[in-house]
C-alpha cells in the first residue's frame, strides 16, 4: 500500500518530540470578484491572489520540549510559508496531538516580526498534561482529565490586486484550557501561574449521574519582536 505524501510546511522534520502524520494545503483565492446584471445574475467573474493556509498534524513520539517561533518562514521549492498558529490537545487515555497552521507568502518573502511561544514540555504518555506550566491544580480526589493549548498570531498584508507585497506578524495570545473531575467532597483549587491570567474562572457542571466536572481557561499575552534594522 502506498501512503500519501505529507508536506512539512513548517520545517519540523528534525523535531525529536513530534512526528508529522497529516498535512493539508487549504488553497483559496484572496479575490473572488463578481459582476451582476440588472437581474442580479453573475455575468463576469475574476479571481486573484491565490493563497494557501496549510495545516500540519503531528503525534507526540517522545518526551521533550516544544520550541516554536510564530512568524518563522519555510521555503518549499519556490513557495514560502509562515507559521502562525499552534494547538495541542491532551486527554485522559488519549494520545496527545499537535497541529501547526500558517499561510503562504509572496515570492522572495523574508522574516518580518516574530512571536516566541514559551517552551512547552510534552510527554508521550497518553494522559492529560498541564501545558506550558500555565496553572497549578490541587484538591483531594480532583484530577485533570483534559488540557488544550491554542496560540495564533495575526498576519497582516499590504496587497495589490490580491497579491501580497509585504507582511507583518503581531497580536498573539496563548490560551490553555482544562477540565477537572471532582470525585471527593472538596472542590479543586486552580490557580494561574505567574504571567498568566485566569480568564475563565473554574466553573462546575453537575450531571444527573456522574461526578462534578470543572472547566477553566488561562491566558498569557505575547509580544512580537520586530526584525533587526527595521
Protein backbone atom coordinates (compact mmCIF):
# COMPACT_ATOMS: atom_id res chain seq x y z
CA UNK A 1 0.00 0.00 0.00
CA UNK A 2 1.33 3.44 -0.92
CA UNK A 3 0.64 6.08 1.72
CA UNK A 4 0.01 9.73 0.88
CA UNK A 5 2.95 12.10 0.76
CA UNK A 6 2.82 14.55 3.67
CA UNK A 7 4.24 18.03 3.20
CA UNK A 8 6.23 19.52 6.07
CA UNK A 9 5.11 23.13 5.60
CA UNK A 10 6.73 24.36 8.83
CA UNK A 11 10.13 22.65 8.83
CA UNK A 12 9.62 20.15 11.67
CA UNK A 13 11.27 17.10 10.06
CA UNK A 14 14.18 17.22 12.51
CA UNK A 15 11.96 17.63 15.58
CA UNK A 16 12.73 14.91 18.15
CA UNK A 17 9.42 15.33 20.01
CA UNK A 18 6.71 15.26 17.34
CA UNK A 19 6.13 13.31 14.11
CA UNK A 20 4.18 14.58 11.09
CA UNK A 21 1.18 12.36 10.27
CA UNK A 22 -1.01 14.56 8.03
CA UNK A 23 -0.97 17.84 6.13
CA UNK A 24 -3.37 19.94 4.08
CA UNK A 25 -2.76 22.84 1.66
CA UNK A 26 -6.14 24.61 2.03
CA UNK A 27 -5.92 26.78 -1.09
CA UNK A 28 -8.22 29.75 -1.67
CA UNK A 29 -8.36 32.99 -3.66
CA UNK A 30 -7.94 36.30 -1.85
CA UNK A 31 -10.08 37.99 -4.51
CA UNK A 32 -13.28 36.45 -5.86
CA UNK A 33 -14.89 39.25 -7.84
CA UNK A 34 -18.31 39.01 -9.49
CA UNK A 35 -20.23 41.43 -11.71
CA UNK A 36 -24.03 41.38 -11.81
CA UNK A 37 -26.63 42.15 -14.45
CA UNK A 38 -29.79 44.19 -13.87
CA UNK A 39 -31.47 40.91 -12.90
CA UNK A 40 -28.81 40.03 -10.34
CA UNK A 41 -27.26 37.29 -12.46
CA UNK A 42 -23.49 36.87 -12.42
CA UNK A 43 -22.20 37.93 -15.84
CA UNK A 44 -18.49 38.29 -15.06
CA UNK A 45 -16.09 36.69 -12.61
CA UNK A 46 -12.41 37.27 -11.85
CA UNK A 47 -10.14 35.51 -9.39
CA UNK A 48 -6.81 36.62 -7.98
CA UNK A 49 -4.32 36.32 -5.18
CA UNK A 50 -4.10 32.53 -4.79
CA UNK A 51 -3.08 31.69 -1.24
CA UNK A 52 -2.64 28.66 0.95
CA UNK A 53 -3.47 28.28 4.64
CA UNK A 54 -1.75 24.95 5.33
CA UNK A 55 -2.02 22.80 8.43
CA UNK A 56 0.26 20.04 9.69
CA UNK A 57 -0.88 17.41 12.18
CA UNK A 58 1.60 15.68 14.49
CA UNK A 59 1.66 13.00 17.17
CA UNK A 60 3.99 13.14 20.16
CA UNK A 61 6.64 10.44 19.81
CA UNK A 62 8.97 11.27 22.72
CA UNK A 63 9.09 13.40 25.84
CA UNK A 64 10.77 16.75 25.35
CA UNK A 65 10.36 20.48 24.91
CA UNK A 66 8.49 22.06 22.03
CA UNK A 67 10.12 25.36 21.00
CA UNK A 68 8.13 27.40 18.47
CA UNK A 69 8.50 30.87 16.96
CA UNK A 70 5.45 32.28 15.21
CA UNK A 71 6.34 34.29 12.13
CA UNK A 72 9.10 31.87 11.15
CA UNK A 73 9.12 31.06 7.43
CA UNK A 74 9.96 27.92 5.47
CA UNK A 75 10.53 27.61 1.72
CA UNK A 76 9.41 24.56 -0.26
CA UNK A 77 10.67 24.79 -3.86
CA UNK A 78 9.54 28.36 -4.64
CA UNK A 79 6.64 28.60 -2.17
CA UNK A 80 7.11 30.34 1.17
CA UNK A 81 5.05 29.53 4.28
CA UNK A 82 4.74 31.49 7.52
CA UNK A 83 4.00 29.67 10.80
CA UNK A 84 1.16 31.47 12.61
CA UNK A 85 -0.59 29.00 14.91
CA UNK A 86 -0.07 26.11 17.30
CA UNK A 87 -2.62 23.92 19.04
CA UNK A 88 -2.04 20.99 21.41
CA UNK A 89 -4.63 18.54 22.72
CA UNK A 90 -4.11 16.19 25.67
CA UNK A 91 -6.75 14.00 27.29
CA UNK A 92 -7.01 11.02 29.63
CA UNK A 93 -6.25 7.72 27.84
CA UNK A 94 -5.71 9.57 24.53
CA UNK A 95 -2.56 10.12 22.51
CA UNK A 96 -1.52 13.80 22.65
CA UNK A 97 -1.68 15.65 19.33
CA UNK A 98 -0.17 18.83 17.94
CA UNK A 99 -1.27 20.95 14.99
CA UNK A 100 0.57 23.84 13.33
CA UNK A 101 -1.03 26.28 10.94
CA UNK A 102 0.03 29.21 8.79
CA UNK A 103 -0.30 30.99 5.47
CA UNK A 104 1.63 31.27 2.23
CA UNK A 105 3.54 34.47 1.49
CA UNK A 106 4.71 36.36 -1.56
CA UNK A 107 7.67 35.17 -3.60
CA UNK A 108 11.04 36.04 -2.02
CA UNK A 109 9.39 36.99 1.30
CA UNK A 110 11.68 37.19 4.32
CA UNK A 111 11.03 37.01 8.06
CA UNK A 112 9.20 40.03 9.46
CA UNK A 113 8.20 40.37 13.12
CA UNK A 114 8.16 37.17 15.21
CA UNK A 115 6.49 35.92 18.39
CA UNK A 116 8.31 33.49 20.68
CA UNK A 117 5.99 30.94 22.29
CA UNK A 118 7.03 29.88 25.83
CA UNK A 119 8.75 26.49 25.90
CA UNK A 120 6.18 23.69 26.22
CA UNK A 121 7.17 20.42 27.88
CA UNK A 122 5.35 17.44 26.35
CA UNK A 123 5.06 13.82 27.44
CA UNK A 124 4.43 10.97 25.05
CA UNK A 125 2.21 9.32 27.67
CA UNK A 126 -1.49 9.18 26.88
CA UNK A 127 -2.77 11.44 29.63
CA UNK A 128 -3.97 14.97 30.34
CA UNK A 129 -0.96 17.25 30.82
CA UNK A 130 -0.57 20.71 32.34
CA UNK A 131 0.65 22.57 29.26
CA UNK A 132 3.14 25.46 29.33
CA UNK A 133 3.05 25.32 33.17
CA UNK A 134 0.07 27.65 32.85
CA UNK A 135 -1.64 26.73 36.13
CA UNK A 136 -1.48 24.66 39.29
CA UNK A 137 -4.11 22.18 40.45
CA UNK A 138 -4.75 20.86 43.94
CA UNK A 139 -7.56 19.13 45.82
CA UNK A 140 -8.09 15.60 47.13
CA UNK A 141 -9.83 13.44 44.54
CA UNK A 142 -9.55 16.12 41.84
CA UNK A 143 -7.90 15.04 38.60
CA UNK A 144 -7.12 16.80 35.34
CA UNK A 145 -8.86 14.90 32.52
CA UNK A 146 -8.29 17.25 29.60
CA UNK A 147 -5.94 20.13 28.78
CA UNK A 148 -5.59 22.01 25.49
CA UNK A 149 -3.41 24.86 24.27
CA UNK A 150 -4.07 27.35 21.48
CA UNK A 151 -1.95 30.23 20.21
CA UNK A 152 -2.19 32.15 16.95
CA UNK A 153 -0.54 35.31 15.66
CA UNK A 154 -2.22 37.77 13.31
CA UNK A 155 -0.78 38.10 9.80
CA UNK A 156 -1.34 41.49 8.13
CA UNK A 157 -0.66 42.13 4.44
CA UNK A 158 -0.01 45.04 2.12
CA UNK A 159 -1.66 43.97 -1.15
CA UNK A 160 -2.34 44.97 -4.74
CA UNK A 161 -4.89 43.09 -6.86
CA UNK A 162 -4.94 40.43 -4.16
CA UNK A 163 -1.20 39.81 -4.35
CA UNK A 164 0.86 40.35 -1.20
CA UNK A 165 3.66 42.92 -1.39
CA UNK A 166 4.71 42.89 2.28
CA UNK A 167 3.57 41.28 5.52
CA UNK A 168 3.92 41.57 9.28
CA UNK A 169 3.02 39.46 12.34
CA UNK A 170 1.57 40.61 15.68
CA UNK A 171 -1.22 40.22 18.24
CA UNK A 172 -0.68 36.76 19.74
CA UNK A 173 -2.09 35.38 22.98
CA UNK A 174 -1.64 31.85 24.28
CA UNK A 175 -4.66 30.15 25.86
CA UNK A 176 -4.64 26.97 27.94
CA UNK A 177 -7.99 25.40 28.84
CA UNK A 178 -8.70 22.39 31.01
CA UNK A 179 -11.25 20.11 32.60
CA UNK A 180 -11.06 18.59 36.09
CA UNK A 181 -13.16 15.81 37.61
CA UNK A 182 -14.02 16.13 41.30
CA UNK A 183 -14.59 12.72 42.93
CA UNK A 184 -14.45 13.83 46.59
CA UNK A 185 -16.11 16.42 48.77
CA UNK A 186 -13.51 19.13 48.13
CA UNK A 187 -13.65 21.34 45.04
CA UNK A 188 -10.39 21.75 43.10
CA UNK A 189 -8.15 24.76 43.57
CA UNK A 190 -6.96 26.05 40.19
CA UNK A 191 -4.54 28.97 40.14
CA UNK A 192 -2.95 30.71 37.18
CA UNK A 193 0.85 30.61 37.15
CA UNK A 194 2.97 33.77 37.17
CA UNK A 195 2.47 35.72 33.95
CA UNK A 196 -0.86 34.03 33.28
CA UNK A 197 -4.42 35.24 33.94
CA UNK A 198 -7.38 33.02 34.78
CA UNK A 199 -9.61 34.48 32.05
CA UNK A 200 -12.36 31.91 32.62
CA UNK A 201 -12.76 31.10 36.31
CA UNK A 202 -13.35 27.48 37.26
CA UNK A 203 -16.99 26.67 36.50
CA UNK A 204 -18.73 23.46 37.61
CA UNK A 205 -21.16 21.18 35.80
CA UNK A 206 -23.14 18.68 37.89
CA UNK A 207 -24.66 15.86 35.80
CA UNK A 208 -27.52 13.63 36.92
CA UNK A 209 -25.33 10.53 37.10
CA UNK A 210 -21.67 11.43 37.28
CA UNK A 211 -19.01 13.39 39.09
CA UNK A 212 -18.79 17.16 39.12
CA UNK A 213 -16.70 18.49 36.22
CA UNK A 214 -14.87 21.82 36.34
CA UNK A 215 -13.74 23.80 33.31
CA UNK A 216 -11.41 26.81 33.19
CA UNK A 217 -9.12 28.85 30.95
CA UNK A 218 -5.80 30.68 31.40
CA UNK A 219 -4.34 33.28 29.04
CA UNK A 220 -0.87 34.76 28.54
CA UNK A 221 -0.34 37.67 26.15
CA UNK A 222 2.75 37.53 23.96
CA UNK A 223 4.71 40.41 22.43
CA UNK A 224 6.00 40.47 18.89
CA UNK A 225 9.61 41.40 18.14
CA UNK A 226 10.50 43.47 15.10
CA UNK A 227 13.31 42.29 12.82
CA UNK A 228 16.65 43.96 13.49
CA UNK A 229 17.38 47.03 11.38
CA UNK A 230 13.71 47.89 10.79
